[in-house]
Amino acid sequence: MHEFGLVDLGGLVAAGWVLVRVLGPVASALARRIEGRGPVTIDYAAVDQLRGELEELHERVDFLERTLAGGQPPPELPRPRTPA
Protein backbone atom coordinates (compact mmCIF):
# COMPACT_ATOMS: atom_id res chain seq x y z
CA MET A 1 0.00 0.00 0.00
CA HIS A 2 1.13 3.57 -0.66
CA GLU A 3 2.63 5.45 2.28
CA PHE A 4 1.60 9.02 2.96
CA GLY A 5 4.73 11.02 2.19
CA LEU A 6 5.88 14.59 2.17
CA VAL A 7 4.87 15.06 -1.48
CA ASP A 8 1.36 13.86 -0.68
CA LEU A 9 1.14 16.28 2.22
CA GLY A 10 2.29 19.14 -0.02
CA GLY A 11 -0.35 18.26 -2.61
CA LEU A 12 -3.03 18.16 0.07
CA VAL A 13 -1.97 21.54 1.42
CA ALA A 14 -1.91 23.02 -2.10
CA ALA A 15 -5.37 21.67 -2.90
CA GLY A 16 -6.71 23.06 0.38
CA TRP A 17 -5.15 26.46 -0.32
CA VAL A 18 -6.74 26.56 -3.79
CA LEU A 19 -10.14 25.66 -2.38
CA VAL A 20 -9.91 28.39 0.25
CA ARG A 21 -8.74 30.99 -2.29
CA VAL A 22 -11.44 30.11 -4.81
CA LEU A 23 -14.38 29.26 -2.59
CA GLY A 24 -13.68 31.87 0.09
CA PRO A 25 -14.79 34.92 -1.93
CA VAL A 26 -17.70 32.98 -3.40
CA ALA A 27 -18.89 31.95 0.04
CA SER A 28 -18.57 35.47 1.45
CA ALA A 29 -20.43 36.96 -1.53
CA LEU A 30 -23.18 34.39 -1.09
CA ALA A 31 -23.40 35.19 2.62
CA ARG A 32 -23.69 38.93 1.87
CA ARG A 33 -26.37 38.20 -0.71
CA ILE A 34 -28.35 36.10 1.74
CA GLU A 35 -28.06 38.76 4.44
CA GLY A 36 -29.27 41.37 1.97
CA ARG A 37 -26.40 43.78 2.34
CA GLY A 38 -24.79 43.14 -1.04
CA PRO A 39 -24.40 45.85 -3.65
CA VAL A 40 -27.76 46.52 -5.26
CA THR A 41 -27.05 49.70 -7.23
CA ILE A 42 -28.23 49.64 -10.83
CA ASP A 43 -26.53 51.74 -13.47
CA TYR A 44 -29.46 52.54 -15.73
CA ALA A 45 -27.27 54.28 -18.29
CA ALA A 46 -25.23 51.10 -18.75
CA VAL A 47 -28.41 49.04 -19.01
CA ASP A 48 -29.76 51.37 -21.71
CA GLN A 49 -26.46 51.20 -23.60
CA LEU A 50 -26.47 47.40 -23.49
CA ARG A 51 -30.10 47.35 -24.62
CA GLY A 52 -29.18 49.52 -27.62
CA GLU A 53 -26.26 47.28 -28.53
CA LEU A 54 -28.51 44.24 -28.25
CA GLU A 55 -31.05 45.81 -30.61
CA GLU A 56 -28.26 46.50 -33.13
CA LEU A 57 -27.15 42.89 -32.92
CA HIS A 58 -30.73 41.73 -33.49
CA GLU A 59 -30.92 43.88 -36.62
CA ARG A 60 -27.65 42.44 -37.92
CA VAL A 61 -28.78 38.87 -37.30
CA ASP A 62 -32.10 39.56 -39.03
CA PHE A 63 -30.25 41.02 -42.02
CA LEU A 64 -27.95 38.01 -42.22
CA GLU A 65 -30.89 35.61 -41.98
CA ARG A 66 -32.71 37.41 -44.79
CA THR A 67 -29.56 37.45 -46.90
CA LEU A 68 -28.93 33.75 -46.42
CA ALA A 69 -32.57 32.86 -47.00
CA GLY A 70 -32.65 34.83 -50.26
CA GLY A 71 -32.01 31.68 -52.24
CA GLN A 72 -29.48 33.19 -54.61
CA PRO A 73 -26.38 31.04 -54.86
CA PRO A 74 -23.11 32.85 -54.41
CA PRO A 75 -21.40 33.81 -57.67
CA GLU A 76 -18.98 31.24 -58.94
CA LEU A 77 -15.32 32.02 -59.07
CA PRO A 78 -13.75 32.21 -62.52
CA ARG A 79 -12.18 28.98 -63.63
CA PRO A 80 -8.40 29.01 -63.47
CA ARG A 81 -6.67 29.33 -66.80
CA THR A 82 -4.22 26.70 -67.76
CA PRO A 83 -1.16 27.84 -69.64
CA ALA A 84 -1.25 26.77 -73.26
PDB file of N, CA and C in Angstrom:
ATOM      1  N   MET A   1       0.829  -1.175   0.000  1.00  0.00           N
ATOM      2  CA  MET A   1       0.000   0.000   0.000  1.00  0.00           C
ATOM      3  C   MET A   1       0.886   1.255   0.000  1.00  0.00           C
ATOM      4  N   HIS A   2       0.359   2.333  -0.518  1.00  0.00           N
ATOM      5  CA  HIS A   2       1.129   3.569  -0.657  1.00  0.00           C
ATOM      6  C   HIS A   2       1.228   4.285   0.684  1.00  0.00           C
ATOM      7  N   GLU A   3       2.436   4.704   1.037  1.00  0.00           N
ATOM      8  CA  GLU A   3       2.625   5.449   2.282  1.00  0.00           C
ATOM      9  C   GLU A   3       2.368   6.926   2.028  1.00  0.00           C
ATOM     10  N   PHE A   4       1.870   7.582   3.038  1.00  0.00           N
ATOM     11  CA  PHE A   4       1.597   9.016   2.960  1.00  0.00           C
ATOM     12  C   PHE A   4       2.901   9.749   3.186  1.00  0.00           C
ATOM     13  N   GLY A   5       3.422  10.371   2.116  1.00  0.00           N
ATOM     14  CA  GLY A   5       4.731  11.017   2.193  1.00  0.00           C
ATOM     15  C   GLY A   5       4.634  12.526   2.210  1.00  0.00           C
ATOM     16  N   LEU A   6       5.778  13.131   2.139  1.00  0.00           N
ATOM     17  CA  LEU A   6       5.880  14.585   2.170  1.00  0.00           C
ATOM     18  C   LEU A   6       5.272  15.206   0.914  1.00  0.00           C
ATOM     19  N   VAL A   7       5.436  14.554  -0.227  1.00  0.00           N
ATOM     20  CA  VAL A   7       4.873  15.063  -1.479  1.00  0.00           C
ATOM     21  C   VAL A   7       3.346  15.024  -1.409  1.00  0.00           C
ATOM     22  N   ASP A   8       2.809  13.953  -0.830  1.00  0.00           N
ATOM     23  CA  ASP A   8       1.360  13.857  -0.684  1.00  0.00           C
ATOM     24  C   ASP A   8       0.830  14.949   0.234  1.00  0.00           C
ATOM     25  N   LEU A   9       1.551  15.226   1.297  1.00  0.00           N
ATOM     26  CA  LEU A   9       1.142  16.282   2.220  1.00  0.00           C
ATOM     27  C   LEU A   9       1.177  17.644   1.526  1.00  0.00           C
ATOM     28  N   GLY A  10       2.203  17.874   0.724  1.00  0.00           N
ATOM     29  CA  GLY A  10       2.290  19.136  -0.020  1.00  0.00           C
ATOM     30  C   GLY A  10       1.147  19.286  -1.006  1.00  0.00           C
ATOM     31  N   GLY A  11       0.780  18.211  -1.688  1.00  0.00           N
ATOM     32  CA  GLY A  11      -0.349  18.262  -2.606  1.00  0.00           C
ATOM     33  C   GLY A  11      -1.650  18.525  -1.886  1.00  0.00           C
ATOM     34  N   LEU A  12      -1.817  17.932  -0.718  1.00  0.00           N
ATOM     35  CA  LEU A  12      -3.028  18.156   0.067  1.00  0.00           C
ATOM     36  C   LEU A  12      -3.118  19.601   0.546  1.00  0.00           C
ATOM     37  N   VAL A  13      -1.998  20.146   0.984  1.00  0.00           N
ATOM     38  CA  VAL A  13      -1.971  21.543   1.424  1.00  0.00           C
ATOM     39  C   VAL A  13      -2.258  22.474   0.240  1.00  0.00           C
ATOM     40  N   ALA A  14      -1.678  22.186  -0.924  1.00  0.00           N
ATOM     41  CA  ALA A  14      -1.908  23.025  -2.105  1.00  0.00           C
ATOM     42  C   ALA A  14      -3.367  22.965  -2.531  1.00  0.00           C
ATOM     43  N   ALA A  15      -3.959  21.790  -2.523  1.00  0.00           N
ATOM     44  CA  ALA A  15      -5.372  21.668  -2.898  1.00  0.00           C
ATOM     45  C   ALA A  15      -6.252  22.411  -1.908  1.00  0.00           C
ATOM     46  N   GLY A  16      -5.937  22.322  -0.629  1.00  0.00           N
ATOM     47  CA  GLY A  16      -6.710  23.063   0.376  1.00  0.00           C
ATOM     48  C   GLY A  16      -6.587  24.555   0.201  1.00  0.00           C
ATOM     49  N   TRP A  17      -5.362  25.027  -0.120  1.00  0.00           N
ATOM     50  CA  TRP A  17      -5.150  26.460  -0.322  1.00  0.00           C
ATOM     51  C   TRP A  17      -5.961  26.967  -1.519  1.00  0.00           C
ATOM     52  N   VAL A  18      -5.972  26.176  -2.610  1.00  0.00           N
ATOM     53  CA  VAL A  18      -6.738  26.561  -3.794  1.00  0.00           C
ATOM     54  C   VAL A  18      -8.220  26.619  -3.468  1.00  0.00           C
ATOM     55  N   LEU A  19      -8.720  25.651  -2.741  1.00  0.00           N
ATOM     56  CA  LEU A  19     -10.139  25.661  -2.375  1.00  0.00           C
ATOM     57  C   LEU A  19     -10.493  26.879  -1.541  1.00  0.00           C
ATOM     58  N   VAL A  20      -9.635  27.224  -0.595  1.00  0.00           N
ATOM     59  CA  VAL A  20      -9.907  28.391   0.248  1.00  0.00           C
ATOM     60  C   VAL A  20      -9.863  29.665  -0.578  1.00  0.00           C
ATOM     61  N   ARG A  21      -8.871  29.772  -1.488  1.00  0.00           N
ATOM     62  CA  ARG A  21      -8.736  30.990  -2.294  1.00  0.00           C
ATOM     63  C   ARG A  21      -9.883  31.139  -3.291  1.00  0.00           C
ATOM     64  N   VAL A  22     -10.377  30.039  -3.814  1.00  0.00           N
ATOM     65  CA  VAL A  22     -11.440  30.108  -4.813  1.00  0.00           C
ATOM     66  C   VAL A  22     -12.802  30.186  -4.149  1.00  0.00           C
ATOM     67  N   LEU A  23     -13.050  29.322  -3.193  1.00  0.00           N
ATOM     68  CA  LEU A  23     -14.377  29.260  -2.588  1.00  0.00           C
ATOM     69  C   LEU A  23     -14.598  30.301  -1.499  1.00  0.00           C
ATOM     70  N   GLY A  24     -13.531  30.859  -0.955  1.00  0.00           N
ATOM     71  CA  GLY A  24     -13.677  31.870   0.091  1.00  0.00           C
ATOM     72  C   GLY A  24     -14.451  33.089  -0.369  1.00  0.00           C
ATOM     73  N   PRO A  25     -14.030  33.752  -1.457  1.00  0.00           N
ATOM     74  CA  PRO A  25     -14.785  34.915  -1.929  1.00  0.00           C
ATOM     75  C   PRO A  25     -16.200  34.566  -2.385  1.00  0.00           C
ATOM     76  N   VAL A  26     -16.358  33.399  -2.962  1.00  0.00           N
ATOM     77  CA  VAL A  26     -17.696  32.982  -3.399  1.00  0.00           C
ATOM     78  C   VAL A  26     -18.604  32.810  -2.191  1.00  0.00           C
ATOM     79  N   ALA A  27     -18.095  32.171  -1.158  1.00  0.00           N
ATOM     80  CA  ALA A  27     -18.895  31.948   0.044  1.00  0.00           C
ATOM     81  C   ALA A  27     -19.234  33.263   0.735  1.00  0.00           C
ATOM     82  N   SER A  28     -18.286  34.191   0.793  1.00  0.00           N
ATOM     83  CA  SER A  28     -18.572  35.470   1.446  1.00  0.00           C
ATOM     84  C   SER A  28     -19.562  36.297   0.623  1.00  0.00           C
ATOM     85  N   ALA A  29     -19.463  36.248  -0.700  1.00  0.00           N
ATOM     86  CA  ALA A  29     -20.432  36.961  -1.531  1.00  0.00           C
ATOM     87  C   ALA A  29     -21.826  36.353  -1.377  1.00  0.00           C
ATOM     88  N   LEU A  30     -21.889  35.047  -1.295  1.00  0.00           N
ATOM     89  CA  LEU A  30     -23.179  34.386  -1.094  1.00  0.00           C
ATOM     90  C   LEU A  30     -23.754  34.746   0.267  1.00  0.00           C
ATOM     91  N   ALA A  31     -22.920  34.815   1.289  1.00  0.00           N
ATOM     92  CA  ALA A  31     -23.396  35.192   2.619  1.00  0.00           C
ATOM     93  C   ALA A  31     -23.916  36.621   2.623  1.00  0.00           C
ATOM     94  N   ARG A  32     -23.203  37.548   1.953  1.00  0.00           N
ATOM     95  CA  ARG A  32     -23.688  38.935   1.873  1.00  0.00           C
ATOM     96  C   ARG A  32     -25.011  39.006   1.134  1.00  0.00           C
ATOM     97  N   ARG A  33     -25.129  38.209   0.079  1.00  0.00           N
ATOM     98  CA  ARG A  33     -26.368  38.202  -0.710  1.00  0.00           C
ATOM     99  C   ARG A  33     -27.540  37.693   0.126  1.00  0.00           C
ATOM    100  N   ILE A  34     -27.295  36.644   0.903  1.00  0.00           N
ATOM    101  CA  ILE A  34     -28.354  36.098   1.743  1.00  0.00           C
ATOM    102  C   ILE A  34     -28.750  37.094   2.828  1.00  0.00           C
ATOM    103  N   GLU A  35     -27.770  37.785   3.396  1.00  0.00           N
ATOM    104  CA  GLU A  35     -28.059  38.760   4.436  1.00  0.00           C
ATOM    105  C   GLU A  35     -28.721  40.009   3.875  1.00  0.00           C
ATOM    106  N   GLY A  36     -28.622  40.223   2.584  1.00  0.00           N
ATOM    107  CA  GLY A  36     -29.275  41.373   1.968  1.00  0.00           C
ATOM    108  C   GLY A  36     -28.473  42.637   2.012  1.00  0.00           C
ATOM    109  N   ARG A  37     -27.201  42.562   2.291  1.00  0.00           N
ATOM    110  CA  ARG A  37     -26.396  43.780   2.340  1.00  0.00           C
ATOM    111  C   ARG A  37     -25.406  43.861   1.195  1.00  0.00           C
ATOM    112  N   GLY A  38     -25.661  43.106   0.129  1.00  0.00           N
ATOM    113  CA  GLY A  38     -24.792  43.144  -1.037  1.00  0.00           C
ATOM    114  C   GLY A  38     -25.052  44.385  -1.860  1.00  0.00           C
ATOM    115  N   PRO A  39     -24.188  44.668  -2.795  1.00  0.00           N
ATOM    116  CA  PRO A  39     -24.396  45.851  -3.646  1.00  0.00           C
ATOM    117  C   PRO A  39     -25.614  45.662  -4.546  1.00  0.00           C
ATOM    118  N   VAL A  40     -26.517  46.634  -4.503  1.00  0.00           N
ATOM    119  CA  VAL A  40     -27.758  46.522  -5.257  1.00  0.00           C
ATOM    120  C   VAL A  40     -27.947  47.730  -6.168  1.00  0.00           C
ATOM    121  N   THR A  41     -26.913  48.516  -6.381  1.00  0.00           N
ATOM    122  CA  THR A  41     -27.051  49.698  -7.226  1.00  0.00           C
ATOM    123  C   THR A  41     -27.150  49.273  -8.682  1.00  0.00           C
ATOM    124  N   ILE A  42     -28.018  49.939  -9.415  1.00  0.00           N
ATOM    125  CA  ILE A  42     -28.227  49.639 -10.830  1.00  0.00           C
ATOM    126  C   ILE A  42     -27.824  50.866 -11.636  1.00  0.00           C
ATOM    127  N   ASP A  43     -26.965  50.663 -12.587  1.00  0.00           N
ATOM    128  CA  ASP A  43     -26.530  51.744 -13.468  1.00  0.00           C
ATOM    129  C   ASP A  43     -27.444  51.720 -14.695  1.00  0.00           C
ATOM    130  N   TYR A  44     -28.472  52.554 -14.664  1.00  0.00           N
ATOM    131  CA  TYR A  44     -29.464  52.539 -15.733  1.00  0.00           C
ATOM    132  C   TYR A  44     -28.891  52.994 -17.067  1.00  0.00           C
ATOM    133  N   ALA A  45     -27.890  53.848 -17.038  1.00  0.00           N
ATOM    134  CA  ALA A  45     -27.267  54.283 -18.292  1.00  0.00           C
ATOM    135  C   ALA A  45     -26.575  53.101 -18.972  1.00  0.00           C
ATOM    136  N   ALA A  46     -25.899  52.270 -18.184  1.00  0.00           N
ATOM    137  CA  ALA A  46     -25.230  51.101 -18.754  1.00  0.00           C
ATOM    138  C   ALA A  46     -26.246  50.088 -19.274  1.00  0.00           C
ATOM    139  N   VAL A  47     -27.361  49.961 -18.563  1.00  0.00           N
ATOM    140  CA  VAL A  47     -28.414  49.044 -19.011  1.00  0.00           C
ATOM    141  C   VAL A  47     -28.996  49.529 -20.335  1.00  0.00           C
ATOM    142  N   ASP A  48     -29.238  50.822 -20.453  1.00  0.00           N
ATOM    143  CA  ASP A  48     -29.760  51.372 -21.708  1.00  0.00           C
ATOM    144  C   ASP A  48     -28.767  51.197 -22.846  1.00  0.00           C
ATOM    145  N   GLN A  49     -27.484  51.386 -22.569  1.00  0.00           N
ATOM    146  CA  GLN A  49     -26.462  51.199 -23.597  1.00  0.00           C
ATOM    147  C   GLN A  49     -26.431  49.744 -24.058  1.00  0.00           C
ATOM    148  N   LEU A  50     -26.470  48.816 -23.123  1.00  0.00           N
ATOM    149  CA  LEU A  50     -26.473  47.404 -23.486  1.00  0.00           C
ATOM    150  C   LEU A  50     -27.732  47.039 -24.266  1.00  0.00           C
ATOM    151  N   ARG A  51     -28.859  47.619 -23.899  1.00  0.00           N
ATOM    152  CA  ARG A  51     -30.099  47.354 -24.622  1.00  0.00           C
ATOM    153  C   ARG A  51     -29.987  47.835 -26.071  1.00  0.00           C
ATOM    154  N   GLY A  52     -29.377  49.013 -26.270  1.00  0.00           N
ATOM    155  CA  GLY A  52     -29.181  49.521 -27.624  1.00  0.00           C
ATOM    156  C   GLY A  52     -28.259  48.632 -28.442  1.00  0.00           C
ATOM    157  N   GLU A  53     -27.170  48.179 -27.818  1.00  0.00           N
ATOM    158  CA  GLU A  53     -26.256  47.284 -28.528  1.00  0.00           C
ATOM    159  C   GLU A  53     -26.935  45.958 -28.872  1.00  0.00           C
ATOM    160  N   LEU A  54     -27.790  45.476 -27.984  1.00  0.00           N
ATOM    161  CA  LEU A  54     -28.513  44.236 -28.252  1.00  0.00           C
ATOM    162  C   LEU A  54     -29.481  44.404 -29.419  1.00  0.00           C
ATOM    163  N   GLU A  55     -30.144  45.557 -29.490  1.00  0.00           N
ATOM    164  CA  GLU A  55     -31.048  45.813 -30.614  1.00  0.00           C
ATOM    165  C   GLU A  55     -30.282  45.865 -31.936  1.00  0.00           C
ATOM    166  N   GLU A  56     -29.083  46.476 -31.920  1.00  0.00           N
ATOM    167  CA  GLU A  56     -28.260  46.504 -33.128  1.00  0.00           C
ATOM    168  C   GLU A  56     -27.865  45.098 -33.552  1.00  0.00           C
ATOM    169  N   LEU A  57     -27.507  44.263 -32.591  1.00  0.00           N
ATOM    170  CA  LEU A  57     -27.148  42.887 -32.921  1.00  0.00           C
ATOM    171  C   LEU A  57     -28.335  42.119 -33.493  1.00  0.00           C
ATOM    172  N   HIS A  58     -29.530  42.378 -32.954  1.00  0.00           N
ATOM    173  CA  HIS A  58     -30.730  41.729 -33.492  1.00  0.00           C
ATOM    174  C   HIS A  58     -30.942  42.132 -34.949  1.00  0.00           C
ATOM    175  N   GLU A  59     -30.754  43.416 -35.249  1.00  0.00           N
ATOM    176  CA  GLU A  59     -30.921  43.882 -36.621  1.00  0.00           C
ATOM    177  C   GLU A  59     -29.913  43.212 -37.553  1.00  0.00           C
ATOM    178  N   ARG A  60     -28.672  43.079 -37.089  1.00  0.00           N
ATOM    179  CA  ARG A  60     -27.646  42.440 -37.920  1.00  0.00           C
ATOM    180  C   ARG A  60     -27.971  40.971 -38.166  1.00  0.00           C
ATOM    181  N   VAL A  61     -28.438  40.275 -37.138  1.00  0.00           N
ATOM    182  CA  VAL A  61     -28.784  38.865 -37.297  1.00  0.00           C
ATOM    183  C   VAL A  61     -29.967  38.728 -38.244  1.00  0.00           C
ATOM    184  N   ASP A  62     -30.959  39.604 -38.113  1.00  0.00           N
ATOM    185  CA  ASP A  62     -32.104  39.562 -39.026  1.00  0.00           C
ATOM    186  C   ASP A  62     -31.653  39.788 -40.464  1.00  0.00           C
ATOM    187  N   PHE A  63     -30.752  40.753 -40.669  1.00  0.00           N
ATOM    188  CA  PHE A  63     -30.255  41.018 -42.016  1.00  0.00           C
ATOM    189  C   PHE A  63     -29.529  39.804 -42.577  1.00  0.00           C
ATOM    190  N   LEU A  64     -28.674  39.185 -41.754  1.00  0.00           N
ATOM    191  CA  LEU A  64     -27.945  38.007 -42.224  1.00  0.00           C
ATOM    192  C   LEU A  64     -28.888  36.850 -42.528  1.00  0.00           C
ATOM    193  N   GLU A  65     -29.920  36.678 -41.711  1.00  0.00           N
ATOM    194  CA  GLU A  65     -30.891  35.609 -41.977  1.00  0.00           C
ATOM    195  C   GLU A  65     -31.618  35.858 -43.296  1.00  0.00           C
ATOM    196  N   ARG A  66     -32.024  37.097 -43.531  1.00  0.00           N
ATOM    197  CA  ARG A  66     -32.711  37.414 -44.793  1.00  0.00           C
ATOM    198  C   ARG A  66     -31.785  37.222 -45.975  1.00  0.00           C
ATOM    199  N   THR A  67     -30.522  37.605 -45.815  1.00  0.00           N
ATOM    200  CA  THR A  67     -29.559  37.455 -46.897  1.00  0.00           C
ATOM    201  C   THR A  67     -29.329  35.986 -47.218  1.00  0.00           C
ATOM    202  N   LEU A  68     -29.173  35.181 -46.191  1.00  0.00           N
ATOM    203  CA  LEU A  68     -28.928  33.755 -46.416  1.00  0.00           C
ATOM    204  C   LEU A  68     -30.164  33.033 -46.926  1.00  0.00           C
ATOM    205  N   ALA A  69     -31.337  33.503 -46.562  1.00  0.00           N
ATOM    206  CA  ALA A  69     -32.571  32.858 -46.998  1.00  0.00           C
ATOM    207  C   ALA A  69     -33.016  33.351 -48.371  1.00  0.00           C
ATOM    208  N   GLY A  70     -32.273  34.270 -48.972  1.00  0.00           N
ATOM    209  CA  GLY A  70     -32.651  34.833 -50.262  1.00  0.00           C
ATOM    210  C   GLY A  70     -32.686  33.811 -51.376  1.00  0.00           C
ATOM    211  N   GLY A  71     -31.977  32.736 -51.244  1.00  0.00           N
ATOM    212  CA  GLY A  71     -32.010  31.683 -52.235  1.00  0.00           C
ATOM    213  C   GLY A  71     -31.081  31.883 -53.414  1.00  0.00           C
ATOM    214  N   GLN A  72     -30.401  32.982 -53.491  1.00  0.00           N
ATOM    215  CA  GLN A  72     -29.483  33.193 -54.606  1.00  0.00           C
ATOM    216  C   GLN A  72     -28.152  32.531 -54.274  1.00  0.00           C
ATOM    217  N   PRO A  73     -27.676  31.660 -55.134  1.00  0.00           N
ATOM    218  CA  PRO A  73     -26.381  31.042 -54.855  1.00  0.00           C
ATOM    219  C   PRO A  73     -25.271  32.076 -55.006  1.00  0.00           C
ATOM    220  N   PRO A  74     -24.208  31.898 -54.286  1.00  0.00           N
ATOM    221  CA  PRO A  74     -23.110  32.851 -54.414  1.00  0.00           C
ATOM    222  C   PRO A  74     -22.509  32.755 -55.812  1.00  0.00           C
ATOM    223  N   PRO A  75     -21.984  33.855 -56.321  1.00  0.00           N
ATOM    224  CA  PRO A  75     -21.400  33.812 -57.667  1.00  0.00           C
ATOM    225  C   PRO A  75     -20.203  32.868 -57.695  1.00  0.00           C
ATOM    226  N   GLU A  76     -20.085  32.186 -58.814  1.00  0.00           N
ATOM    227  CA  GLU A  76     -18.980  31.245 -58.945  1.00  0.00           C
ATOM    228  C   GLU A  76     -17.697  31.993 -59.252  1.00  0.00           C
ATOM    229  N   LEU A  77     -16.623  31.439 -58.773  1.00  0.00           N
ATOM    230  CA  LEU A  77     -15.325  32.020 -59.067  1.00  0.00           C
ATOM    231  C   LEU A  77     -14.944  31.683 -60.500  1.00  0.00           C
ATOM    232  N   PRO A  78     -14.172  32.532 -61.161  1.00  0.00           N
ATOM    233  CA  PRO A  78     -13.753  32.207 -62.522  1.00  0.00           C
ATOM    234  C   PRO A  78     -12.858  30.974 -62.492  1.00  0.00           C
ATOM    235  N   ARG A  79     -12.989  30.202 -63.546  1.00  0.00           N
ATOM    236  CA  ARG A  79     -12.183  28.984 -63.633  1.00  0.00           C
ATOM    237  C   ARG A  79     -10.732  29.365 -63.902  1.00  0.00           C
ATOM    238  N   PRO A  80      -9.824  28.669 -63.267  1.00  0.00           N
ATOM    239  CA  PRO A  80      -8.405  29.011 -63.474  1.00  0.00           C
ATOM    240  C   PRO A  80      -7.980  28.673 -64.910  1.00  0.00           C
ATOM    241  N   ARG A  81      -7.171  29.536 -65.450  1.00  0.00           N
ATOM    242  CA  ARG A  81      -6.673  29.330 -66.795  1.00  0.00           C
ATOM    243  C   ARG A  81      -5.457  28.432 -66.728  1.00  0.00           C
ATOM    244  N   THR A  82      -5.406  27.555 -67.645  1.00  0.00           N
ATOM    245  CA  THR A  82      -4.217  26.701 -67.756  1.00  0.00           C
ATOM    246  C   THR A  82      -3.328  27.254 -68.848  1.00  0.00           C
ATOM    247  N   PRO A  83      -2.047  27.300 -68.609  1.00  0.00           N
ATOM    248  CA  PRO A  83      -1.160  27.843 -69.639  1.00  0.00           C
ATOM    249  C   PRO A  83      -1.166  26.923 -70.871  1.00  0.00           C
ATOM    250  N   ALA A  84      -1.206  27.539 -72.026  1.00  0.00           N
ATOM    251  CA  ALA A  84      -1.249  26.768 -73.257  1.00  0.00           C
ATOM    252  C   ALA A  84       0.097  26.483 -73.805  1.00  0.00           C
TER     253      ALA A  84
END
